Amino acid sequence: MTVYWIAHVTVTDPERYSGYMALAPAAFAKYGAQFLARGGASQTLEGTAHDRQVVIAFPSMETARACYDSPEYRAARDARDGACIAHVSLVEGVA
């Protein structure tokens, strides 16, 4: 079943965040991620507004979690540490 990685991100240090942007694509490519939305125009209708909204499709919960836990993505997360406020969730799609 398709699983969606949903991230809401507010960048607080763009220079440092660029390190994440340089490293993260390798992890996503390795795990077959398909970007559905990435930082385009958005409107927050309820809750806290964030700079970036990201939606990524994975073939399964296991694959999405393996990507998140991978050494490649861990390096990307380390690079963005202190450069953003991020909320990331994994959500199963509808069968």
PDB file of N, CA and C in Angstrom:
ATOM      1  N   MET A   1       0.840  -1.181   0.000  1.00  0.00           N
ATOM      2  CA  MET A   1       0.000   0.000   0.000  1.00  0.00           C
ATOM      3  C   MET A   1       0.881   1.239   0.000  1.00  0.00           C
ATOM      4  N   THR A   2       0.529   2.214  -0.792  1.00  0.00           N
ATOM      5  CA  THR A   2       1.292   3.454  -0.861  1.00  0.00           C
ATOM      6  C   THR A   2       1.262   4.165   0.494  1.00  0.00           C
ATOM      7  N   VAL A   3       2.418   4.678   0.866  1.00  0.00           N
ATOM      8  CA  VAL A   3       2.565   5.451   2.099  1.00  0.00           C
ATOM      9  C   VAL A   3       3.078   6.828   1.726  1.00  0.00           C
ATOM     10  N   TYR A   4       2.553   7.839   2.402  1.00  0.00           N
ATOM     11  CA  TYR A   4       2.934   9.217   2.129  1.00  0.00           C
ATOM     12  C   TYR A   4       3.759   9.780   3.276  1.00  0.00           C
ATOM     13  N   TRP A   5       4.899  10.320   2.916  1.00  0.00           N
ATOM     14  CA  TRP A   5       5.785  11.030   3.839  1.00  0.00           C
ATOM     15  C   TRP A   5       5.349  12.483   3.722  1.00  0.00           C
ATOM     16  N   ILE A   6       4.821  13.039   4.784  1.00  0.00           N
ATOM     17  CA  ILE A   6       4.314  14.404   4.770  1.00  0.00           C
ATOM     18  C   ILE A   6       5.173  15.228   5.717  1.00  0.00           C
ATOM     19  N   ALA A   7       5.772  16.267   5.185  1.00  0.00           N
ATOM     20  CA  ALA A   7       6.646  17.118   5.992  1.00  0.00           C
ATOM     21  C   ALA A   7       6.197  18.568   5.893  1.00  0.00           C
ATOM     22  N   HIS A   8       6.182  19.222   7.030  1.00  0.00           N
ATOM     23  CA  HIS A   8       5.925  20.657   7.112  1.00  0.00           C
ATOM     24  C   HIS A   8       7.200  21.254   7.699  1.00  0.00           C
ATOM     25  N   VAL A   9       7.816  22.169   6.959  1.00  0.00           N
ATOM     26  CA  VAL A   9       9.146  22.652   7.331  1.00  0.00           C
ATOM     27  C   VAL A   9       9.186  24.174   7.313  1.00  0.00           C
ATOM     28  N   THR A  10       9.760  24.746   8.355  1.00  0.00           N
ATOM     29  CA  THR A  10      10.075  26.171   8.388  1.00  0.00           C
ATOM     30  C   THR A  10      11.593  26.282   8.467  1.00  0.00           C
ATOM     31  N   VAL A  11      12.181  26.858   7.455  1.00  0.00           N
ATOM     32  CA  VAL A  11      13.638  27.013   7.390  1.00  0.00           C
ATOM     33  C   VAL A  11      14.039  28.239   8.212  1.00  0.00           C
ATOM     34  N   THR A  12      14.959  28.040   9.135  1.00  0.00           N
ATOM     35  CA  THR A  12      15.426  29.133   9.992  1.00  0.00           C
ATOM     36  C   THR A  12      16.847  29.581   9.648  1.00  0.00           C
ATOM     37  N   ASP A  13      17.588  28.732   8.921  1.00  0.00           N
ATOM     38  CA  ASP A  13      18.953  29.048   8.498  1.00  0.00           C
ATOM     39  C   ASP A  13      19.144  28.493   7.083  1.00  0.00           C
ATOM     40  N   PRO A  14      18.812  29.287   6.063  1.00  0.00           N
ATOM     41  CA  PRO A  14      18.864  28.790   4.688  1.00  0.00           C
ATOM     42  C   PRO A  14      20.237  28.264   4.256  1.00  0.00           C
ATOM     43  N   GLU A  15      21.296  28.899   4.702  1.00  0.00           N
ATOM     44  CA  GLU A  15      22.635  28.446   4.312  1.00  0.00           C
ATOM     45  C   GLU A  15      22.902  27.037   4.844  1.00  0.00           C
ATOM     46  N   ARG A  16      22.610  26.836   6.099  1.00  0.00           N
ATOM     47  CA  ARG A  16      22.822  25.513   6.697  1.00  0.00           C
ATOM     48  C   ARG A  16      21.847  24.483   6.117  1.00  0.00           C
ATOM     49  N   TYR A  17      20.623  24.882   5.836  1.00  0.00           N
ATOM     50  CA  TYR A  17      19.619  23.981   5.265  1.00  0.00           C
ATOM     51  C   TYR A  17      20.039  23.490   3.884  1.00  0.00           C
ATOM     52  N   SER A  18      20.841  24.261   3.181  1.00  0.00           N
ATOM     53  CA  SER A  18      21.310  23.844   1.860  1.00  0.00           C
ATOM     54  C   SER A  18      22.113  22.542   1.941  1.00  0.00           C
ATOM     55  N   GLY A  19      22.728  22.270   3.086  1.00  0.00           N
ATOM     56  CA  GLY A  19      23.426  20.994   3.277  1.00  0.00           C
ATOM     57  C   GLY A  19      22.468  19.822   3.243  1.00  0.00           C
ATOM     58  N   TYR A  20      21.301  20.002   3.837  1.00  0.00           N
ATOM     59  CA  TYR A  20      20.257  18.972   3.770  1.00  0.00           C
ATOM     60  C   TYR A  20      19.810  18.775   2.329  1.00  0.00           C
ATOM     61  N   MET A  21      19.585  19.869   1.626  1.00  0.00           N
ATOM     62  CA  MET A  21      19.114  19.798   0.245  1.00  0.00           C
ATOM     63  C   MET A  21      20.133  19.091  -0.662  1.00  0.00           C
ATOM     64  N   ALA A  22      21.397  19.181  -0.315  1.00  0.00           N
ATOM     65  CA  ALA A  22      22.425  18.511  -1.111  1.00  0.00           C
ATOM     66  C   ALA A  22      22.482  17.008  -0.828  1.00  0.00           C
ATOM     67  N   LEU A  23      22.160  16.595   0.405  1.00  0.00           N
ATOM     68  CA  LEU A  23      22.308  15.192   0.803  1.00  0.00           C
ATOM     69  C   LEU A  23      21.031  14.363   0.682  1.00  0.00           C
ATOM     70  N   ALA A  24      19.888  14.937   0.959  1.00  0.00           N
ATOM     71  CA  ALA A  24      18.638  14.176   1.025  1.00  0.00           C
ATOM     72  C   ALA A  24      18.260  13.469  -0.275  1.00  0.00           C
ATOM     73  N   PRO A  25      18.481  14.057  -1.457  1.00  0.00           N
ATOM     74  CA  PRO A  25      18.057  13.377  -2.688  1.00  0.00           C
ATOM     75  C   PRO A  25      18.627  11.969  -2.864  1.00  0.00           C
ATOM     76  N   ALA A  26      19.823  11.708  -2.387  1.00  0.00           N
ATOM     77  CA  ALA A  26      20.413  10.370  -2.511  1.00  0.00           C
ATOM     78  C   ALA A  26      19.598   9.340  -1.745  1.00  0.00           C
ATOM     79  N   ALA A  27      19.142   9.695  -0.560  1.00  0.00           N
ATOM     80  CA  ALA A  27      18.322   8.764   0.227  1.00  0.00           C
ATOM     81  C   ALA A  27      16.987   8.530  -0.453  1.00  0.00           C
ATOM     82  N   PHE A  28      16.351   9.589  -0.908  1.00  0.00           N
ATOM     83  CA  PHE A  28      15.044   9.429  -1.554  1.00  0.00           C
ATOM     84  C   PHE A  28      15.156   8.592  -2.828  1.00  0.00           C
ATOM     85  N   ALA A  29      16.189   8.809  -3.610  1.00  0.00           N
ATOM     86  CA  ALA A  29      16.381   8.029  -4.846  1.00  0.00           C
ATOM     87  C   ALA A  29      16.609   6.560  -4.524  1.00  0.00           C
ATOM     88  N   LYS A  30      17.411   6.278  -3.509  1.00  0.00           N
ATOM     89  CA  LYS A  30      17.720   4.897  -3.135  1.00  0.00           C
ATOM     90  C   LYS A  30      16.463   4.114  -2.764  1.00  0.00           C
ATOM     91  N   TYR A  31      15.465   4.780  -2.188  1.00  0.00           N
ATOM     92  CA  TYR A  31      14.271   4.094  -1.708  1.00  0.00           C
ATOM     93  C   TYR A  31      13.049   4.309  -2.609  1.00  0.00           C
ATOM     94  N   GLY A  32      13.276   4.794  -3.815  1.00  0.00           N
ATOM     95  CA  GLY A  32      12.196   4.887  -4.790  1.00  0.00           C
ATOM     96  C   GLY A  32      11.137   5.920  -4.478  1.00  0.00           C
ATOM     97  N   ALA A  33      11.506   6.985  -3.803  1.00  0.00           N
ATOM     98  CA  ALA A  33      10.550   8.031  -3.454  1.00  0.00           C
ATOM     99  C   ALA A  33      10.047   8.743  -4.698  1.00  0.00           C
ATOM    100  N   GLN A  34       8.775   9.108  -4.667  1.00  0.00           N
ATOM    101  CA  GLN A  34       8.182   9.897  -5.746  1.00  0.00           C
ATOM    102  C   GLN A  34       7.630  11.177  -5.124  1.00  0.00           C
ATOM    103  N   PHE A  35       8.210  12.319  -5.501  1.00  0.00           N
ATOM    104  CA  PHE A  35       7.753  13.593  -4.954  1.00  0.00           C
ATOM    105  C   PHE A  35       6.444  13.997  -5.614  1.00  0.00           C
ATOM    106  N   LEU A  36       5.445  14.299  -4.785  1.00  0.00           N
ATOM    107  CA  LEU A  36       4.142  14.756  -5.264  1.00  0.00           C
ATOM    108  C   LEU A  36       3.968  16.256  -5.045  1.00  0.00           C
ATOM    109  N   ALA A  37       4.569  16.779  -4.002  1.00  0.00           N
ATOM    110  CA  ALA A  37       4.568  18.222  -3.721  1.00  0.00           C
ATOM    111  C   ALA A  37       5.861  18.540  -2.999  1.00  0.00           C
ATOM    112  N   ARG A  38       6.463  19.682  -3.383  1.00  0.00           N
ATOM    113  CA  ARG A  38       7.732  20.025  -2.743  1.00  0.00           C
ATOM    114  C   ARG A  38       7.928  21.539  -2.765  1.00  0.00           C
ATOM    115  N   GLY A  39       7.452  22.189  -1.721  1.00  0.00           N
ATOM    116  CA  GLY A  39       7.780  23.592  -1.523  1.00  0.00           C
ATOM    117  C   GLY A  39       7.093  24.585  -2.452  1.00  0.00           C
ATOM    118  N   GLY A  40       6.052  24.185  -3.180  1.00  0.00           N
ATOM    119  CA  GLY A  40       5.346  25.132  -4.033  1.00  0.00           C
ATOM    120  C   GLY A  40       4.437  26.045  -3.221  1.00  0.00           C
ATOM    121  N   ALA A  41       3.658  26.823  -3.926  1.00  0.00           N
ATOM    122  CA  ALA A  41       2.718  27.727  -3.260  1.00  0.00           C
ATOM    123  C   ALA A  41       1.754  26.919  -2.394  1.00  0.00           C
ATOM    124  N   SER A  42       1.452  27.437  -1.217  1.00  0.00           N
ATOM    125  CA  SER A  42       0.522  26.754  -0.317  1.00  0.00           C
ATOM    126  C   SER A  42      -0.218  27.785   0.516  1.00  0.00           C
ATOM    127  N   GLN A  43      -1.327  27.352   1.068  1.00  0.00           N
ATOM    128  CA  GLN A  43      -2.114  28.180   1.981  1.00  0.00           C
ATOM    129  C   GLN A  43      -2.396  27.359   3.229  1.00  0.00           C
ATOM    130  N   THR A  44      -2.114  27.917   4.383  1.00  0.00           N
ATOM    131  CA  THR A  44      -2.436  27.259   5.640  1.00  0.00           C
ATOM    132  C   THR A  44      -3.811  27.747   6.076  1.00  0.00           C
ATOM    133  N   LEU A  45      -4.756  26.812   6.123  1.00  0.00           N
ATOM    134  CA  LEU A  45      -6.127  27.169   6.491  1.00  0.00           C
ATOM    135  C   LEU A  45      -6.384  27.020   7.980  1.00  0.00           C
ATOM    136  N   GLU A  46      -5.655  26.110   8.630  1.00  0.00           N
ATOM    137  CA  GLU A  46      -5.755  25.926  10.082  1.00  0.00           C
ATOM    138  C   GLU A  46      -4.385  25.545  10.601  1.00  0.00           C
ATOM    139  N   GLY A  47      -4.087  25.907  11.817  1.00  0.00           N
ATOM    140  CA  GLY A  47      -2.827  25.501  12.438  1.00  0.00           C
ATOM    141  C   GLY A  47      -1.684  26.431  12.091  1.00  0.00           C
ATOM    142  N   THR A  48      -0.491  25.975  12.411  1.00  0.00           N
ATOM    143  CA  THR A  48       0.728  26.745  12.224  1.00  0.00           C
ATOM    144  C   THR A  48       1.165  26.726  10.764  1.00  0.00           C
ATOM    145  N   ALA A  49       1.478  27.882  10.237  1.00  0.00           N
ATOM    146  CA  ALA A  49       1.983  27.981   8.863  1.00  0.00           C
ATOM    147  C   ALA A  49       3.464  27.591   8.832  1.00  0.00           C
ATOM    148  N   HIS A  50       3.869  26.947   7.748  1.00  0.00           N
ATOM    149  CA  HIS A  50       5.269  26.567   7.525  1.00  0.00           C
ATOM    150  C   HIS A  50       5.678  27.020   6.135  1.00  0.00           C
ATOM    151  N   ASP A  51       6.978  27.222   5.935  1.00  0.00           N
ATOM    152  CA  ASP A  51       7.500  27.670   4.645  1.00  0.00           C
ATOM    153  C   ASP A  51       7.291  26.641   3.546  1.00  0.00           C
ATOM    154  N   ARG A  52       7.517  25.375   3.894  1.00  0.00           N
ATOM    155  CA  ARG A  52       7.518  24.313   2.886  1.00  0.00           C
ATOM    156  C   ARG A  52       6.590  23.186   3.298  1.00  0.00           C
ATOM    157  N   GLN A  53       5.837  22.683   2.338  1.00  0.00           N
ATOM    158  CA  GLN A  53       5.005  21.494   2.514  1.00  0.00           C
ATOM    159  C   GLN A  53       5.552  20.468   1.519  1.00  0.00           C
ATOM    160  N   VAL A  54       5.810  19.261   1.975  1.00  0.00           N
ATOM    161  CA  VAL A  54       6.386  18.234   1.111  1.00  0.00           C
ATOM    162  C   VAL A  54       5.566  16.959   1.250  1.00  0.00           C
ATOM    163  N   VAL A  55       5.216  16.370   0.119  1.00  0.00           N
ATOM    164  CA  VAL A  55       4.506  15.094   0.109  1.00  0.00           C
ATOM    165  C   VAL A  55       5.274  14.159  -0.816  1.00  0.00           C
ATOM    166  N   ILE A  56       5.672  13.007  -0.268  1.00  0.00           N
ATOM    167  CA  ILE A  56       6.471  12.035  -1.009  1.00  0.00           C
ATOM    168  C   ILE A  56       5.794  10.682  -0.900  1.00  0.00           C
ATOM    169  N   ALA A  57       5.638   9.992  -2.016  1.00  0.00           N
ATOM    170  CA  ALA A  57       5.022   8.661  -2.024  1.00  0.00           C
ATOM    171  C   ALA A  57       6.100   7.582  -1.987  1.00  0.00           C
ATOM    172  N   PHE A  58       5.844   6.559  -1.184  1.00  0.00           N
ATOM    173  CA  PHE A  58       6.690   5.369  -1.088  1.00  0.00           C
ATOM    174  C   PHE A  58       5.803   4.151  -1.294  1.00  0.00           C
ATOM    175  N   PRO A  59       6.377   3.041  -1.744  1.00  0.00           N
ATOM    176  CA  PRO A  59       5.564   1.851  -1.984  1.00  0.00           C
ATOM    177  C   PRO A  59       5.021   1.178  -0.729  1.00  0.00           C
ATOM    178  N   SER A  60       5.634   1.428   0.429  1.00  0.00           N
ATOM    179  CA  SER A  60       5.178   0.777   1.655  1.00  0.00           C
ATOM    180  C   SER A  60       5.678   1.544   2.872  1.00  0.00           C
ATOM    181  N   MET A  61       5.076   1.254   4.032  1.00  0.00           N
ATOM    182  CA  MET A  61       5.516   1.847   5.293  1.00  0.00           C
ATOM    183  C   MET A  61       6.961   1.432   5.581  1.00  0.00           C
ATOM    184  N   GLU A  62       7.269   0.178   5.307  1.00  0.00           N
ATOM    185  CA  GLU A  62       8.614  -0.332   5.575  1.00  0.00           C
ATOM    186  C   GLU A  62       9.660   0.419   4.750  1.00  0.00           C
ATOM    187  N   THR A  63       9.352   0.681   3.488  1.00  0.00           N
ATOM    188  CA  THR A  63      10.291   1.385   2.625  1.00  0.00           C
ATOM    189  C   THR A  63      10.475   2.825   3.085  1.00  0.00           C
ATOM    190  N   ALA A  64       9.373   3.485   3.424  1.00  0.00           N
ATOM    191  CA  ALA A  64       9.462   4.872   3.892  1.00  0.00           C
ATOM    192  C   ALA A  64      10.272   4.959   5.183  1.00  0.00           C
ATOM    193  N   ARG A  65      10.024   4.023   6.092  1.00  0.00           N
ATOM    194  CA  ARG A  65      10.750   4.028   7.367  1.00  0.00           C
ATOM    195  C   ARG A  65      12.222   3.694   7.152  1.00  0.00           C
ATOM    196  N   ALA A  66      12.497   2.760   6.229  1.00  0.00           N
ATOM    197  CA  ALA A  66      13.893   2.425   5.926  1.00  0.00           C
ATOM    198  C   ALA A  66      14.624   3.647   5.374  1.00  0.00           C
ATOM    199  N   CYS A  67      13.954   4.430   4.555  1.00  0.00           N
ATOM    200  CA  CYS A  67      14.557   5.658   4.031  1.00  0.00           C
ATOM    201  C   CYS A  67      14.865   6.614   5.179  1.00  0.00           C
ATOM    202  N   TYR A  68      13.889   6.843   6.045  1.00  0.00           N
ATOM    203  CA  TYR A  68      14.075   7.765   7.160  1.00  0.00           C
ATOM    204  C   TYR A  68      15.222   7.321   8.068  1.00  0.00           C
ATOM    205  N   ASP A  69      15.341   6.026   8.292  1.00  0.00           N
ATOM    206  CA  ASP A  69      16.366   5.489   9.189  1.00  0.00           C
ATOM    207  C   ASP A  69      17.710   5.226   8.509  1.00  0.00           C
ATOM    208  N   SER A  70      17.795   5.427   7.205  1.00  0.00           N
ATOM    209  CA  SER A  70      19.006   5.085   6.451  1.00  0.00           C
ATOM    210  C   SER A  70      20.177   5.998   6.821  1.00  0.00           C
ATOM    211  N   PRO A  71      21.395   5.494   6.629  1.00  0.00           N
ATOM    212  CA  PRO A  71      22.576   6.344   6.868  1.00  0.00           C
ATOM    213  C   PRO A  71      22.565   7.596   5.992  1.00  0.00           C
ATOM    214  N   GLU A  72      22.055   7.454   4.765  1.00  0.00           N
ATOM    215  CA  GLU A  72      22.020   8.601   3.849  1.00  0.00           C
ATOM    216  C   GLU A  72      21.101   9.703   4.380  1.00  0.00           C
ATOM    217  N   TYR A  73      19.919   9.305   4.848  1.00  0.00           N
ATOM    218  CA  TYR A  73      18.988  10.319   5.338  1.00  0.00           C
ATOM    219  C   TYR A  73      19.407  10.823   6.717  1.00  0.00           C
ATOM    220  N   ARG A  74      20.017   9.979   7.498  1.00  0.00           N
ATOM    221  CA  ARG A  74      20.533  10.421   8.810  1.00  0.00           C
ATOM    222  C   ARG A  74      21.561  11.534   8.612  1.00  0.00           C
ATOM    223  N   ALA A  75      22.422  11.380   7.596  1.00  0.00           N
ATOM    224  CA  ALA A  75      23.415  12.429   7.304  1.00  0.00           C
ATOM    225  C   ALA A  75      22.723  13.725   6.887  1.00  0.00           C
ATOM    226  N   ALA A  76      21.655  13.602   6.101  1.00  0.00           N
ATOM    227  CA  ALA A  76      20.902  14.789   5.682  1.00  0.00           C
ATOM    228  C   ALA A  76      20.251  15.457   6.890  1.00  0.00           C
ATOM    229  N   ARG A  77      19.643  14.648   7.767  1.00  0.00           N
ATOM    230  CA  ARG A  77      19.022  15.210   8.978  1.00  0.00           C
ATOM    231  C   ARG A  77      20.057  15.917   9.844  1.00  0.00           C
ATOM    232  N   ASP A  78      21.232  15.305   9.978  1.00  0.00           N
ATOM    233  CA  ASP A  78      22.294  15.929  10.769  1.00  0.00           C
ATOM    234  C   ASP A  78      22.690  17.279  10.167  1.00  0.00           C
ATOM    235  N   ALA A  79      22.713  17.347   8.828  1.00  0.00           N
ATOM    236  CA  ALA A  79      23.100  18.589   8.151  1.00  0.00           C
ATOM    237  C   ALA A  79      22.079  19.701   8.368  1.00  0.00           C
ATOM    238  N   ARG A  80      20.808  19.344   8.563  1.00  0.00           N
ATOM    239  CA  ARG A  80      19.780  20.370   8.749  1.00  0.00           C
ATOM    240  C   ARG A  80      19.545  20.694  10.222  1.00  0.00           C
ATOM    241  N   ASP A  81      20.193  19.966  11.126  1.00  0.00           N
ATOM    242  CA  ASP A  81      19.988  20.180  12.557  1.00  0.00           C
ATOM    243  C   ASP A  81      20.241  21.646  12.901  1.00  0.00           C
ATOM    244  N   GLY A  82      19.268  22.285  13.516  1.00  0.00           N
ATOM    245  CA  GLY A  82      19.390  23.685  13.884  1.00  0.00           C
ATOM    246  C   GLY A  82      19.103  24.652  12.745  1.00  0.00           C
ATOM    247  N   ALA A  83      18.761  24.125  11.562  1.00  0.00           N
ATOM    248  CA  ALA A  83      18.510  24.976  10.400  1.00  0.00           C
ATOM    249  C   ALA A  83      17.040  25.071  10.036  1.00  0.00           C
ATOM    250  N   CYS A  84      16.203  24.291  10.736  1.00  0.00           N
ATOM    251  CA  CYS A  84      14.775  24.306  10.414  1.00  0.00           C
ATOM    252  C   CYS A  84      13.960  23.730  11.568  1.00  0.00           C
ATOM    253  N   ILE A  85      12.674  23.955  11.466  1.00  0.00           N
ATOM    254  CA  ILE A  85      11.700  23.279  12.325  1.00  0.00           C
ATOM    255  C   ILE A  85      10.943  22.365  11.392  1.00  0.00           C
ATOM    256  N   ALA A  86      11.003  21.065  11.646  1.00  0.00           N
ATOM    257  CA  ALA A  86      10.384  20.100  10.739  1.00  0.00           C
ATOM    258  C   ALA A  86       9.425  19.191  11.497  1.00  0.00           C
ATOM    259  N   HIS A  87       8.300  18.928  10.873  1.00  0.00           N
ATOM    260  CA  HIS A  87       7.324  17.955  11.365  1.00  0.00           C
ATOM    261  C   HIS A  87       7.163  16.949  10.243  1.00  0.00           C
ATOM    262  N   VAL A  88       7.485  15.687  10.498  1.00  0.00           N
ATOM    263  CA  VAL A  88       7.440  14.657   9.465  1.00  0.00           C
ATOM    264  C   VAL A  88       6.551  13.512   9.953  1.00  0.00           C
ATOM    265  N   SER A  89       5.620  13.098   9.095  1.00  0.00           N
ATOM    266  CA  SER A  89       4.724  11.987   9.404  1.00  0.00           C
ATOM    267  C   SER A  89       4.710  11.022   8.234  1.00  0.00           C
ATOM    268  N   LEU A  90       4.460   9.746   8.544  1.00  0.00           N
ATOM    269  CA  LEU A  90       4.226   8.737   7.528  1.00  0.00           C
ATOM    270  C   LEU A  90       2.759   8.327   7.644  1.00  0.00           C
ATOM    271  N   VAL A  91       2.047   8.333   6.511  1.00  0.00           N
ATOM    272  CA  VAL A  91       0.612   8.076   6.520  1.00  0.00           C
ATOM    273  C   VAL A  91       0.270   7.079   5.420  1.00  0.00           C
ATOM    274  N   GLU A  92      -0.433   5.990   5.794  1.00  0.00           N
ATOM    275  CA  GLU A  92      -0.869   5.029   4.790  1.00  0.00           C
ATOM    276  C   GLU A  92      -1.934   5.647   3.912  1.00  0.00           C
ATOM    277  N   GLY A  93      -1.861   5.316   2.626  1.00  0.00           N
ATOM    278  CA  GLY A  93      -2.881   5.759   1.692  1.00  0.00           C
ATOM    279  C   GLY A  93      -4.146   4.926   1.836  1.00  0.00           C
ATOM    280  N   VAL A  94      -5.153   5.292   1.112  1.00  0.00           N
ATOM    281  CA  VAL A  94      -6.432   4.587   1.128  1.00  0.00           C
ATOM    282  C   VAL A  94      -6.368   3.436   0.133  1.00  0.00           C
ATOM    283  N   ALA A  95      -6.816   2.271   0.556  1.00  0.00           N
ATOM    284  CA  ALA A  95      -6.777   1.095  -0.326  1.00  0.00           C
ATOM    285  C   ALA A  95      -7.859   1.207  -1.384  1.00  0.00           C
TER     286      ALA A  95
END
